[in-house]
Amino acid sequence: MINSETLTLLDNLAHRFREACEGIRFAAAASPEEIEAIYRLRYRTVIENGWAKPEDYPDGMEQDEYDDHAIHIGGWQEEQLAATMRLILPSQDRLLPTEAAFGLRIEPIGQVADCSRGIVAPEFRNRGRQLFFGTLAQVWLEMRSHGYYELCGTLTGWMIRYYQRSGFSPVQLGPPQMYWGELRFPAKFDLIKTAYQFLRQGRTD
């Protein structure tokens, strides 16, 4: 269980990551138009990366069966979507996307949220690192507001190394498999270790 000191540290880190993204408003999508913009950015990404063909999504929007239950996080510069991530909270009625894709259960069952579809729009990639971690910070604040403190997802090898270099502590939960066009690992973030790594390094950015 994460104690109050660690929660406060993680909250402070999240606010610092958000504040570093000057001119960007981070929030859960609040309208059908904002959600559509997120689906269209996801479509652009999967097509550009060759993970799907345009005919797979004739409406120009990438969606799946989890989206109706998701919290869609956006980073907005005025009306333009700069970055997005998807947060799935645990439910007794269905597996998390990572669990379903990799055929596993992630402990503690019913207490882990799932993060996916992390994208920075091409027009904003000169601010890619800031925006990515600002959006991830909003994911933390959203899941925290719902009473969840554990987070999982799927990561490629280079993503794991990127997170590690940035001070985060992903833990591989099983062997990799092909998923969304790349070899990916199921992973969980050790948020306690992450918090204290930043504390030891004196880092809050």
N, C-alpha and C. Protein backbone atom coordinates (compact mmCIF):
# COMPACT_ATOMS: atom_id res chain seq x y z
N MET A 1 0.85 -1.20 0.00
CA MET A 1 0.00 0.00 0.00
C MET A 1 0.89 1.25 0.00
N ILE A 2 0.53 2.22 -0.80
CA ILE A 2 1.29 3.46 -0.87
C ILE A 2 0.89 4.34 0.31
N ASN A 3 1.89 4.82 1.06
CA ASN A 3 1.59 5.67 2.21
C ASN A 3 1.35 7.11 1.77
N SER A 4 0.89 7.93 2.73
CA SER A 4 0.50 9.30 2.40
C SER A 4 1.70 10.13 1.94
N GLU A 5 2.89 9.87 2.48
CA GLU A 5 4.08 10.61 2.07
C GLU A 5 4.38 10.37 0.59
N THR A 6 4.29 9.10 0.17
CA THR A 6 4.56 8.76 -1.23
C THR A 6 3.50 9.34 -2.15
N LEU A 7 2.24 9.28 -1.73
CA LEU A 7 1.16 9.86 -2.53
C LEU A 7 1.37 11.36 -2.73
N THR A 8 1.75 12.04 -1.67
CA THR A 8 2.00 13.48 -1.77
C THR A 8 3.15 13.76 -2.74
N LEU A 9 4.21 12.96 -2.65
CA LEU A 9 5.34 13.13 -3.55
C LEU A 9 4.92 12.92 -5.00
N LEU A 10 4.15 11.85 -5.26
CA LEU A 10 3.70 11.57 -6.62
C LEU A 10 2.77 12.67 -7.13
N ASP A 11 1.89 13.16 -6.26
CA ASP A 11 1.01 14.27 -6.66
C ASP A 11 1.84 15.50 -7.04
N ASN A 12 2.85 15.82 -6.22
CA ASN A 12 3.69 16.99 -6.50
C ASN A 12 4.44 16.82 -7.82
N LEU A 13 4.96 15.61 -8.07
CA LEU A 13 5.64 15.34 -9.33
C LEU A 13 4.70 15.53 -10.50
N ALA A 14 3.47 15.02 -10.35
CA ALA A 14 2.49 15.14 -11.43
C ALA A 14 2.20 16.60 -11.74
N HIS A 15 2.02 17.41 -10.72
CA HIS A 15 1.74 18.82 -10.95
C HIS A 15 2.93 19.52 -11.61
N ARG A 16 4.15 19.14 -11.22
CA ARG A 16 5.34 19.75 -11.85
C ARG A 16 5.44 19.36 -13.32
N PHE A 17 5.15 18.09 -13.64
CA PHE A 17 5.19 17.66 -15.04
C PHE A 17 4.17 18.44 -15.87
N ARG A 18 2.99 18.64 -15.31
CA ARG A 18 1.96 19.40 -16.04
C ARG A 18 2.36 20.86 -16.23
N GLU A 19 2.88 21.46 -15.17
CA GLU A 19 3.25 22.87 -15.22
C GLU A 19 4.40 23.13 -16.19
N ALA A 20 5.23 22.11 -16.43
CA ALA A 20 6.34 22.27 -17.37
C ALA A 20 5.86 22.44 -18.81
N CYS A 21 4.61 22.07 -19.07
CA CYS A 21 4.05 22.15 -20.42
C CYS A 21 3.27 23.45 -20.56
N GLU A 22 3.99 24.52 -20.72
CA GLU A 22 3.37 25.85 -20.78
C GLU A 22 2.41 25.94 -21.95
N GLY A 23 1.23 26.49 -21.67
CA GLY A 23 0.23 26.68 -22.71
C GLY A 23 -0.62 25.47 -23.02
N ILE A 24 -0.44 24.36 -22.27
CA ILE A 24 -1.19 23.13 -22.52
C ILE A 24 -2.17 22.89 -21.37
N ARG A 25 -3.41 22.61 -21.72
CA ARG A 25 -4.44 22.26 -20.75
C ARG A 25 -4.63 20.75 -20.75
N PHE A 26 -4.36 20.12 -19.62
CA PHE A 26 -4.54 18.67 -19.50
C PHE A 26 -5.86 18.38 -18.80
N ALA A 27 -6.64 17.47 -19.38
CA ALA A 27 -7.93 17.14 -18.79
C ALA A 27 -8.50 15.90 -19.48
N ALA A 28 -9.46 15.28 -18.83
CA ALA A 28 -10.22 14.23 -19.49
C ALA A 28 -11.12 14.86 -20.55
N ALA A 29 -11.23 14.20 -21.69
CA ALA A 29 -12.10 14.71 -22.75
C ALA A 29 -13.51 14.89 -22.21
N ALA A 30 -14.09 16.06 -22.50
CA ALA A 30 -15.36 16.42 -21.88
C ALA A 30 -16.50 16.58 -22.88
N SER A 31 -16.24 16.30 -24.14
CA SER A 31 -17.29 16.47 -25.15
C SER A 31 -17.09 15.44 -26.25
N PRO A 32 -18.15 15.15 -27.02
CA PRO A 32 -17.99 14.25 -28.16
C PRO A 32 -16.95 14.75 -29.17
N GLU A 33 -16.84 16.06 -29.32
CA GLU A 33 -15.87 16.62 -30.26
C GLU A 33 -14.44 16.35 -29.80
N GLU A 34 -14.18 16.47 -28.50
CA GLU A 34 -12.85 16.19 -27.99
C GLU A 34 -12.50 14.71 -28.11
N ILE A 35 -13.47 13.85 -27.83
CA ILE A 35 -13.23 12.41 -27.98
C ILE A 35 -12.98 12.05 -29.44
N GLU A 36 -13.73 12.65 -30.34
CA GLU A 36 -13.50 12.39 -31.77
C GLU A 36 -12.10 12.82 -32.19
N ALA A 37 -11.64 13.96 -31.70
CA ALA A 37 -10.28 14.41 -32.02
C ALA A 37 -9.25 13.41 -31.55
N ILE A 38 -9.47 12.82 -30.39
CA ILE A 38 -8.55 11.79 -29.87
C ILE A 38 -8.57 10.56 -30.76
N TYR A 39 -9.75 10.08 -31.14
CA TYR A 39 -9.84 8.92 -32.03
C TYR A 39 -9.16 9.18 -33.37
N ARG A 40 -9.28 10.40 -33.88
CA ARG A 40 -8.67 10.71 -35.17
C ARG A 40 -7.15 10.79 -35.07
N LEU A 41 -6.63 11.30 -33.95
CA LEU A 41 -5.18 11.28 -33.76
C LEU A 41 -4.68 9.86 -33.62
N ARG A 42 -5.41 9.01 -32.93
CA ARG A 42 -5.03 7.60 -32.83
C ARG A 42 -5.02 6.94 -34.21
N TYR A 43 -6.00 7.26 -35.03
CA TYR A 43 -6.04 6.71 -36.39
C TYR A 43 -4.80 7.14 -37.18
N ARG A 44 -4.46 8.43 -37.13
CA ARG A 44 -3.27 8.91 -37.83
C ARG A 44 -2.03 8.12 -37.40
N THR A 45 -1.95 7.85 -36.12
CA THR A 45 -0.77 7.17 -35.57
C THR A 45 -0.67 5.74 -36.06
N VAL A 46 -1.77 4.98 -36.00
CA VAL A 46 -1.70 3.58 -36.41
C VAL A 46 -1.45 3.45 -37.91
N ILE A 47 -1.98 4.38 -38.70
CA ILE A 47 -1.75 4.33 -40.15
C ILE A 47 -0.30 4.70 -40.47
N GLU A 48 0.20 5.77 -39.83
CA GLU A 48 1.59 6.20 -40.08
C GLU A 48 2.59 5.13 -39.69
N ASN A 49 2.29 4.36 -38.65
CA ASN A 49 3.20 3.31 -38.19
C ASN A 49 2.99 1.98 -38.89
N GLY A 50 1.99 1.90 -39.76
CA GLY A 50 1.74 0.67 -40.49
C GLY A 50 1.11 -0.42 -39.66
N TRP A 51 0.48 -0.06 -38.55
CA TRP A 51 -0.15 -1.06 -37.68
C TRP A 51 -1.53 -1.45 -38.17
N ALA A 52 -2.08 -0.67 -39.08
CA ALA A 52 -3.40 -0.96 -39.66
C ALA A 52 -3.47 -0.29 -41.02
N LYS A 53 -4.50 -0.64 -41.78
CA LYS A 53 -4.73 -0.04 -43.09
C LYS A 53 -5.94 0.89 -43.02
N PRO A 54 -5.96 1.91 -43.87
CA PRO A 54 -7.10 2.85 -43.83
C PRO A 54 -8.46 2.15 -43.92
N GLU A 55 -8.53 1.07 -44.70
CA GLU A 55 -9.82 0.39 -44.83
C GLU A 55 -10.27 -0.29 -43.53
N ASP A 56 -9.32 -0.48 -42.58
CA ASP A 56 -9.71 -1.04 -41.29
C ASP A 56 -10.54 -0.06 -40.47
N TYR A 57 -10.40 1.23 -40.77
CA TYR A 57 -11.11 2.28 -40.02
C TYR A 57 -11.69 3.27 -41.03
N PRO A 58 -12.76 2.88 -41.73
CA PRO A 58 -13.29 3.72 -42.82
C PRO A 58 -13.77 5.09 -42.36
N ASP A 59 -14.06 5.25 -41.06
CA ASP A 59 -14.51 6.55 -40.58
C ASP A 59 -13.35 7.44 -40.13
N GLY A 60 -12.11 6.93 -40.28
CA GLY A 60 -10.95 7.73 -39.91
C GLY A 60 -10.74 7.88 -38.42
N MET A 61 -11.29 6.94 -37.63
CA MET A 61 -11.16 6.99 -36.18
C MET A 61 -10.78 5.60 -35.67
N GLU A 62 -9.74 5.52 -34.85
CA GLU A 62 -9.33 4.24 -34.26
C GLU A 62 -10.00 4.08 -32.91
N GLN A 63 -10.81 3.02 -32.80
CA GLN A 63 -11.55 2.73 -31.57
C GLN A 63 -11.55 1.23 -31.33
N ASP A 64 -11.78 0.84 -30.08
CA ASP A 64 -11.98 -0.58 -29.78
C ASP A 64 -13.03 -0.74 -28.69
N GLU A 65 -13.21 -1.98 -28.23
CA GLU A 65 -14.29 -2.27 -27.30
C GLU A 65 -14.08 -1.67 -25.91
N TYR A 66 -12.89 -1.20 -25.61
CA TYR A 66 -12.63 -0.62 -24.29
C TYR A 66 -12.96 0.87 -24.22
N ASP A 67 -13.13 1.51 -25.35
CA ASP A 67 -13.22 2.96 -25.35
C ASP A 67 -14.47 3.50 -24.66
N ASP A 68 -15.56 2.77 -24.70
CA ASP A 68 -16.77 3.24 -24.03
C ASP A 68 -16.61 3.29 -22.52
N HIS A 69 -15.64 2.53 -22.01
CA HIS A 69 -15.41 2.49 -20.56
C HIS A 69 -14.17 3.27 -20.14
N ALA A 70 -13.56 3.97 -21.08
CA ALA A 70 -12.27 4.61 -20.83
C ALA A 70 -12.41 6.07 -20.41
N ILE A 71 -11.38 6.55 -19.74
CA ILE A 71 -11.19 7.97 -19.52
C ILE A 71 -10.15 8.42 -20.53
N HIS A 72 -10.55 9.29 -21.44
CA HIS A 72 -9.67 9.73 -22.52
C HIS A 72 -8.99 11.04 -22.10
N ILE A 73 -7.71 10.99 -21.89
CA ILE A 73 -6.94 12.14 -21.43
C ILE A 73 -6.40 12.90 -22.64
N GLY A 74 -6.52 14.20 -22.61
CA GLY A 74 -5.97 15.03 -23.67
C GLY A 74 -5.13 16.16 -23.13
N GLY A 75 -4.13 16.55 -23.91
CA GLY A 75 -3.38 17.77 -23.67
C GLY A 75 -3.71 18.73 -24.80
N TRP A 76 -4.28 19.89 -24.48
CA TRP A 76 -4.84 20.77 -25.49
C TRP A 76 -4.12 22.13 -25.48
N GLN A 77 -3.72 22.58 -26.66
CA GLN A 77 -3.25 23.95 -26.84
C GLN A 77 -4.39 24.71 -27.50
N GLU A 78 -5.09 25.49 -26.69
CA GLU A 78 -6.36 26.10 -27.11
C GLU A 78 -7.30 24.98 -27.58
N GLU A 79 -7.65 24.95 -28.87
CA GLU A 79 -8.57 23.91 -29.34
C GLU A 79 -7.85 22.74 -30.01
N GLN A 80 -6.53 22.79 -30.10
CA GLN A 80 -5.78 21.77 -30.84
C GLN A 80 -5.27 20.69 -29.89
N LEU A 81 -5.51 19.44 -30.26
CA LEU A 81 -5.05 18.31 -29.46
C LEU A 81 -3.57 18.10 -29.68
N ALA A 82 -2.79 18.16 -28.61
CA ALA A 82 -1.35 17.99 -28.69
C ALA A 82 -0.89 16.61 -28.28
N ALA A 83 -1.61 15.97 -27.34
CA ALA A 83 -1.19 14.66 -26.83
C ALA A 83 -2.39 13.98 -26.22
N THR A 84 -2.31 12.65 -26.12
CA THR A 84 -3.40 11.89 -25.53
C THR A 84 -2.91 10.60 -24.92
N MET A 85 -3.67 10.09 -23.96
CA MET A 85 -3.51 8.74 -23.40
C MET A 85 -4.89 8.24 -22.99
N ARG A 86 -4.99 6.93 -22.88
CA ARG A 86 -6.25 6.32 -22.47
C ARG A 86 -6.07 5.61 -21.14
N LEU A 87 -7.00 5.85 -20.23
CA LEU A 87 -6.97 5.21 -18.91
C LEU A 87 -8.19 4.30 -18.78
N ILE A 88 -7.93 3.04 -18.45
CA ILE A 88 -9.00 2.07 -18.20
C ILE A 88 -8.93 1.69 -16.72
N LEU A 89 -10.02 1.92 -16.01
CA LEU A 89 -10.08 1.53 -14.61
C LEU A 89 -10.50 0.06 -14.50
N PRO A 90 -10.10 -0.64 -13.43
CA PRO A 90 -10.46 -2.05 -13.29
C PRO A 90 -11.96 -2.24 -13.10
N SER A 91 -12.45 -3.39 -13.55
CA SER A 91 -13.87 -3.73 -13.45
C SER A 91 -14.00 -5.23 -13.22
N GLN A 92 -15.00 -5.62 -12.46
CA GLN A 92 -15.27 -7.05 -12.28
C GLN A 92 -15.81 -7.70 -13.54
N ASP A 93 -16.30 -6.89 -14.48
CA ASP A 93 -16.97 -7.41 -15.66
C ASP A 93 -16.04 -7.72 -16.83
N ARG A 94 -14.79 -7.28 -16.76
CA ARG A 94 -13.91 -7.48 -17.91
C ARG A 94 -12.45 -7.39 -17.48
N LEU A 95 -11.60 -8.03 -18.26
CA LEU A 95 -10.17 -7.93 -18.04
C LEU A 95 -9.67 -6.56 -18.49
N LEU A 96 -8.55 -6.15 -17.94
CA LEU A 96 -7.87 -4.98 -18.47
C LEU A 96 -7.33 -5.30 -19.86
N PRO A 97 -7.14 -4.30 -20.72
CA PRO A 97 -6.60 -4.59 -22.06
C PRO A 97 -5.28 -5.36 -22.03
N THR A 98 -4.37 -5.01 -21.13
CA THR A 98 -3.10 -5.73 -21.05
C THR A 98 -3.31 -7.16 -20.63
N GLU A 99 -4.21 -7.40 -19.69
CA GLU A 99 -4.50 -8.76 -19.26
C GLU A 99 -5.07 -9.58 -20.40
N ALA A 100 -6.03 -9.01 -21.14
CA ALA A 100 -6.67 -9.74 -22.24
C ALA A 100 -5.67 -10.05 -23.35
N ALA A 101 -4.81 -9.09 -23.67
CA ALA A 101 -3.87 -9.27 -24.78
C ALA A 101 -2.79 -10.29 -24.46
N PHE A 102 -2.38 -10.37 -23.20
CA PHE A 102 -1.24 -11.22 -22.84
C PHE A 102 -1.65 -12.45 -22.03
N GLY A 103 -2.94 -12.65 -21.80
CA GLY A 103 -3.41 -13.85 -21.13
C GLY A 103 -2.91 -13.98 -19.70
N LEU A 104 -2.99 -12.91 -18.93
CA LEU A 104 -2.53 -12.95 -17.55
C LEU A 104 -3.46 -12.13 -16.67
N ARG A 105 -3.30 -12.28 -15.35
CA ARG A 105 -3.97 -11.42 -14.39
C ARG A 105 -2.91 -10.64 -13.63
N ILE A 106 -3.17 -9.39 -13.40
CA ILE A 106 -2.18 -8.50 -12.80
C ILE A 106 -2.59 -8.20 -11.37
N GLU A 107 -1.71 -8.55 -10.45
CA GLU A 107 -1.95 -8.34 -9.03
C GLU A 107 -1.62 -6.90 -8.62
N PRO A 108 -2.32 -6.39 -7.62
CA PRO A 108 -3.49 -6.96 -6.96
C PRO A 108 -4.73 -6.83 -7.84
N ILE A 109 -5.40 -7.93 -8.07
CA ILE A 109 -6.55 -7.96 -8.98
C ILE A 109 -7.62 -6.98 -8.50
N GLY A 110 -8.13 -6.21 -9.43
CA GLY A 110 -9.16 -5.24 -9.11
C GLY A 110 -8.65 -3.92 -8.59
N GLN A 111 -7.32 -3.78 -8.50
CA GLN A 111 -6.76 -2.54 -7.96
C GLN A 111 -5.77 -1.87 -8.92
N VAL A 112 -5.65 -2.42 -10.14
CA VAL A 112 -4.68 -1.91 -11.11
C VAL A 112 -5.42 -1.27 -12.28
N ALA A 113 -5.03 -0.06 -12.64
CA ALA A 113 -5.56 0.60 -13.83
C ALA A 113 -4.63 0.35 -15.01
N ASP A 114 -5.13 0.58 -16.22
CA ASP A 114 -4.40 0.27 -17.44
C ASP A 114 -4.26 1.54 -18.27
N CYS A 115 -3.06 1.83 -18.73
CA CYS A 115 -2.79 3.02 -19.54
C CYS A 115 -2.30 2.60 -20.93
N SER A 116 -2.85 3.22 -21.97
CA SER A 116 -2.46 2.86 -23.34
C SER A 116 -2.71 4.05 -24.26
N ARG A 117 -2.40 3.85 -25.54
CA ARG A 117 -2.64 4.84 -26.59
C ARG A 117 -1.96 6.18 -26.25
N GLY A 118 -0.74 6.11 -25.75
CA GLY A 118 0.00 7.33 -25.47
C GLY A 118 0.59 7.92 -26.75
N ILE A 119 0.15 9.11 -27.13
CA ILE A 119 0.53 9.71 -28.41
C ILE A 119 0.80 11.20 -28.22
N VAL A 120 1.86 11.68 -28.85
CA VAL A 120 2.08 13.12 -29.02
C VAL A 120 1.85 13.42 -30.50
N ALA A 121 1.01 14.39 -30.79
CA ALA A 121 0.69 14.73 -32.18
C ALA A 121 1.95 15.16 -32.93
N PRO A 122 2.08 14.81 -34.21
CA PRO A 122 3.28 15.15 -34.98
C PRO A 122 3.63 16.63 -34.92
N GLU A 123 2.63 17.49 -34.88
CA GLU A 123 2.88 18.93 -34.88
C GLU A 123 3.54 19.41 -33.58
N PHE A 124 3.54 18.57 -32.55
CA PHE A 124 4.06 18.96 -31.24
C PHE A 124 5.25 18.12 -30.81
N ARG A 125 5.85 17.36 -31.72
CA ARG A 125 6.90 16.44 -31.30
C ARG A 125 8.20 17.12 -30.90
N ASN A 126 8.33 18.41 -31.21
CA ASN A 126 9.48 19.15 -30.68
C ASN A 126 9.37 19.32 -29.17
N ARG A 127 8.19 19.08 -28.63
CA ARG A 127 7.96 19.12 -27.18
C ARG A 127 7.55 17.74 -26.68
N GLY A 128 7.99 16.71 -27.40
CA GLY A 128 7.47 15.37 -27.17
C GLY A 128 7.63 14.86 -25.76
N ARG A 129 8.84 14.98 -25.20
CA ARG A 129 9.07 14.43 -23.86
C ARG A 129 8.21 15.14 -22.82
N GLN A 130 8.19 16.47 -22.86
CA GLN A 130 7.38 17.23 -21.92
C GLN A 130 5.91 16.85 -22.01
N LEU A 131 5.40 16.80 -23.22
CA LEU A 131 3.98 16.52 -23.40
C LEU A 131 3.63 15.10 -23.00
N PHE A 132 4.52 14.15 -23.31
CA PHE A 132 4.25 12.76 -22.94
C PHE A 132 4.13 12.63 -21.43
N PHE A 133 5.09 13.20 -20.71
CA PHE A 133 5.06 13.05 -19.26
C PHE A 133 4.01 13.96 -18.61
N GLY A 134 3.68 15.06 -19.25
CA GLY A 134 2.57 15.87 -18.75
C GLY A 134 1.25 15.11 -18.85
N THR A 135 1.06 14.40 -19.96
CA THR A 135 -0.15 13.61 -20.14
C THR A 135 -0.18 12.44 -19.16
N LEU A 136 0.96 11.79 -18.96
CA LEU A 136 1.05 10.70 -17.99
C LEU A 136 0.76 11.21 -16.59
N ALA A 137 1.19 12.42 -16.28
CA ALA A 137 0.89 13.02 -14.98
C ALA A 137 -0.62 13.18 -14.79
N GLN A 138 -1.31 13.60 -15.85
CA GLN A 138 -2.76 13.72 -15.76
C GLN A 138 -3.42 12.36 -15.57
N VAL A 139 -2.87 11.32 -16.19
CA VAL A 139 -3.36 9.96 -15.97
C VAL A 139 -3.28 9.62 -14.49
N TRP A 140 -2.13 9.91 -13.87
CA TRP A 140 -1.97 9.63 -12.44
C TRP A 140 -3.03 10.37 -11.61
N LEU A 141 -3.24 11.65 -11.89
CA LEU A 141 -4.19 12.43 -11.12
C LEU A 141 -5.62 11.91 -11.30
N GLU A 142 -5.94 11.46 -12.52
CA GLU A 142 -7.28 10.91 -12.77
C GLU A 142 -7.48 9.60 -12.02
N MET A 143 -6.51 8.67 -12.12
CA MET A 143 -6.69 7.39 -11.45
C MET A 143 -6.69 7.57 -9.93
N ARG A 144 -5.86 8.49 -9.44
CA ARG A 144 -5.81 8.80 -8.01
C ARG A 144 -7.16 9.30 -7.52
N SER A 145 -7.84 10.14 -8.34
CA SER A 145 -9.14 10.68 -7.94
C SER A 145 -10.20 9.58 -7.82
N HIS A 146 -9.97 8.45 -8.50
CA HIS A 146 -10.89 7.31 -8.43
C HIS A 146 -10.44 6.27 -7.40
N GLY A 147 -9.35 6.54 -6.70
CA GLY A 147 -8.91 5.64 -5.63
C GLY A 147 -7.99 4.52 -6.07
N TYR A 148 -7.32 4.68 -7.23
CA TYR A 148 -6.39 3.65 -7.71
C TYR A 148 -4.96 4.20 -7.75
N TYR A 149 -4.01 3.31 -7.42
CA TYR A 149 -2.62 3.74 -7.29
C TYR A 149 -1.65 2.82 -8.04
N GLU A 150 -2.17 1.81 -8.73
CA GLU A 150 -1.33 0.86 -9.47
C GLU A 150 -1.65 1.01 -10.95
N LEU A 151 -0.59 0.93 -11.80
CA LEU A 151 -0.77 1.19 -13.23
C LEU A 151 0.00 0.19 -14.06
N CYS A 152 -0.65 -0.34 -15.10
CA CYS A 152 0.00 -1.28 -16.01
C CYS A 152 -0.17 -0.81 -17.44
N GLY A 153 0.52 -1.50 -18.36
CA GLY A 153 0.41 -1.20 -19.77
C GLY A 153 1.31 -2.12 -20.56
N THR A 154 1.45 -1.86 -21.85
CA THR A 154 2.33 -2.65 -22.71
C THR A 154 3.44 -1.74 -23.21
N LEU A 155 4.68 -2.23 -23.15
CA LEU A 155 5.83 -1.42 -23.50
C LEU A 155 6.78 -2.20 -24.40
N THR A 156 7.31 -1.53 -25.40
CA THR A 156 8.40 -2.12 -26.19
C THR A 156 9.69 -2.04 -25.37
N GLY A 157 10.73 -2.73 -25.84
CA GLY A 157 12.01 -2.68 -25.15
C GLY A 157 12.56 -1.27 -25.07
N TRP A 158 12.45 -0.51 -26.17
CA TRP A 158 13.00 0.85 -26.14
C TRP A 158 12.18 1.75 -25.22
N MET A 159 10.87 1.49 -25.10
CA MET A 159 10.06 2.28 -24.19
C MET A 159 10.45 2.01 -22.74
N ILE A 160 10.73 0.75 -22.42
CA ILE A 160 11.17 0.43 -21.06
C ILE A 160 12.46 1.17 -20.74
N ARG A 161 13.41 1.16 -21.68
CA ARG A 161 14.68 1.86 -21.45
C ARG A 161 14.46 3.37 -21.33
N TYR A 162 13.55 3.90 -22.14
CA TYR A 162 13.24 5.33 -22.10
C TYR A 162 12.68 5.72 -20.73
N TYR A 163 11.73 4.93 -20.24
CA TYR A 163 11.17 5.20 -18.92
C TYR A 163 12.25 5.12 -17.85
N GLN A 164 13.10 4.10 -17.93
CA GLN A 164 14.14 3.94 -16.92
C GLN A 164 15.10 5.13 -16.92
N ARG A 165 15.49 5.59 -18.10
CA ARG A 165 16.38 6.76 -18.18
C ARG A 165 15.71 8.01 -17.63
N SER A 166 14.39 8.05 -17.71
CA SER A 166 13.65 9.23 -17.27
C SER A 166 13.34 9.18 -15.78
N GLY A 167 13.70 8.09 -15.09
CA GLY A 167 13.50 8.00 -13.66
C GLY A 167 12.34 7.14 -13.22
N PHE A 168 11.64 6.52 -14.18
CA PHE A 168 10.51 5.66 -13.84
C PHE A 168 10.98 4.21 -13.71
N SER A 169 10.11 3.38 -13.12
CA SER A 169 10.53 2.01 -12.80
C SER A 169 9.50 0.99 -13.30
N PRO A 170 9.44 0.74 -14.61
CA PRO A 170 8.54 -0.30 -15.11
C PRO A 170 9.08 -1.69 -14.78
N VAL A 171 8.16 -2.60 -14.47
CA VAL A 171 8.51 -3.98 -14.14
C VAL A 171 7.86 -4.89 -15.18
N GLN A 172 8.65 -5.70 -15.86
CA GLN A 172 8.10 -6.63 -16.85
C GLN A 172 7.34 -7.74 -16.15
N LEU A 173 6.16 -8.05 -16.66
CA LEU A 173 5.29 -9.05 -16.03
C LEU A 173 5.26 -10.38 -16.78
N GLY A 174 5.94 -10.45 -17.91
CA GLY A 174 5.92 -11.68 -18.69
C GLY A 174 6.73 -11.51 -19.95
N PRO A 175 6.80 -12.57 -20.75
CA PRO A 175 7.57 -12.51 -22.00
C PRO A 175 6.88 -11.61 -23.02
N PRO A 176 7.64 -11.11 -23.98
CA PRO A 176 7.06 -10.23 -25.00
C PRO A 176 6.28 -11.03 -26.04
N GLN A 177 5.41 -10.33 -26.74
CA GLN A 177 4.73 -10.91 -27.90
C GLN A 177 4.39 -9.78 -28.87
N MET A 178 4.08 -10.16 -30.09
CA MET A 178 3.71 -9.14 -31.08
C MET A 178 2.36 -8.56 -30.71
N TYR A 179 2.32 -7.25 -30.61
CA TYR A 179 1.09 -6.55 -30.23
C TYR A 179 1.17 -5.14 -30.81
N TRP A 180 0.19 -4.74 -31.58
CA TRP A 180 0.20 -3.46 -32.27
C TRP A 180 1.48 -3.27 -33.07
N GLY A 181 1.81 -4.31 -33.84
CA GLY A 181 2.88 -4.20 -34.83
C GLY A 181 4.28 -4.26 -34.30
N GLU A 182 4.46 -4.43 -32.97
CA GLU A 182 5.79 -4.48 -32.38
C GLU A 182 5.85 -5.51 -31.27
N LEU A 183 7.07 -5.93 -30.95
CA LEU A 183 7.27 -6.84 -29.84
C LEU A 183 7.14 -6.03 -28.55
N ARG A 184 6.17 -6.37 -27.72
CA ARG A 184 5.89 -5.60 -26.51
C ARG A 184 5.82 -6.51 -25.29
N PHE A 185 6.14 -5.92 -24.15
CA PHE A 185 6.06 -6.61 -22.87
C PHE A 185 4.85 -6.11 -22.08
N PRO A 186 4.19 -7.01 -21.35
CA PRO A 186 3.25 -6.52 -20.34
C PRO A 186 4.07 -5.97 -19.18
N ALA A 187 3.69 -4.83 -18.65
CA ALA A 187 4.51 -4.18 -17.62
C ALA A 187 3.63 -3.46 -16.61
N LYS A 188 4.20 -3.28 -15.43
CA LYS A 188 3.55 -2.53 -14.36
C LYS A 188 4.55 -1.53 -13.81
N PHE A 189 4.06 -0.35 -13.44
CA PHE A 189 4.95 0.68 -12.91
C PHE A 189 5.08 0.54 -11.40
N ASP A 190 6.33 0.48 -10.94
CA ASP A 190 6.59 0.51 -9.50
C ASP A 190 6.61 1.98 -9.08
N LEU A 191 5.45 2.49 -8.68
CA LEU A 191 5.32 3.91 -8.41
C LEU A 191 6.04 4.32 -7.14
N ILE A 192 6.11 3.43 -6.17
CA ILE A 192 6.84 3.75 -4.94
C ILE A 192 8.33 3.93 -5.25
N LYS A 193 8.90 2.98 -5.99
CA LYS A 193 10.30 3.09 -6.37
C LYS A 193 10.54 4.32 -7.20
N THR A 194 9.63 4.60 -8.12
CA THR A 194 9.75 5.80 -8.96
C THR A 194 9.79 7.06 -8.12
N ALA A 195 8.86 7.16 -7.16
CA ALA A 195 8.79 8.36 -6.33
C ALA A 195 10.09 8.59 -5.57
N TYR A 196 10.64 7.52 -5.01
CA TYR A 196 11.84 7.70 -4.19
C TYR A 196 13.10 7.85 -5.03
N GLN A 197 13.07 7.36 -6.27
CA GLN A 197 14.18 7.66 -7.16
C GLN A 197 14.24 9.15 -7.46
N PHE A 198 13.08 9.74 -7.72
CA PHE A 198 13.06 11.18 -7.96
C PHE A 198 13.46 11.94 -6.70
N LEU A 199 13.04 11.45 -5.53
CA LEU A 199 13.37 12.13 -4.28
C LEU A 199 14.87 12.07 -4.03
N ARG A 200 15.49 10.92 -4.25
CA ARG A 200 16.93 10.78 -4.02
C ARG A 200 17.72 11.67 -4.98
N GLN A 201 17.21 11.79 -6.20
CA GLN A 201 17.92 12.59 -7.21
C GLN A 201 17.61 14.08 -7.09
N GLY A 202 16.69 14.41 -6.18
CA GLY A 202 16.30 15.81 -6.06
C GLY A 202 15.57 16.33 -7.26
N ARG A 203 14.91 15.43 -8.00
CA ARG A 203 14.25 15.81 -9.25
C ARG A 203 12.77 16.01 -9.04
N THR A 204 12.25 17.07 -9.61
CA THR A 204 10.81 17.30 -9.64
C THR A 204 10.37 17.79 -11.02
N ASP A 205 11.23 17.51 -12.05
CA ASP A 205 10.84 17.94 -13.41
C ASP A 205 11.00 16.80 -14.37
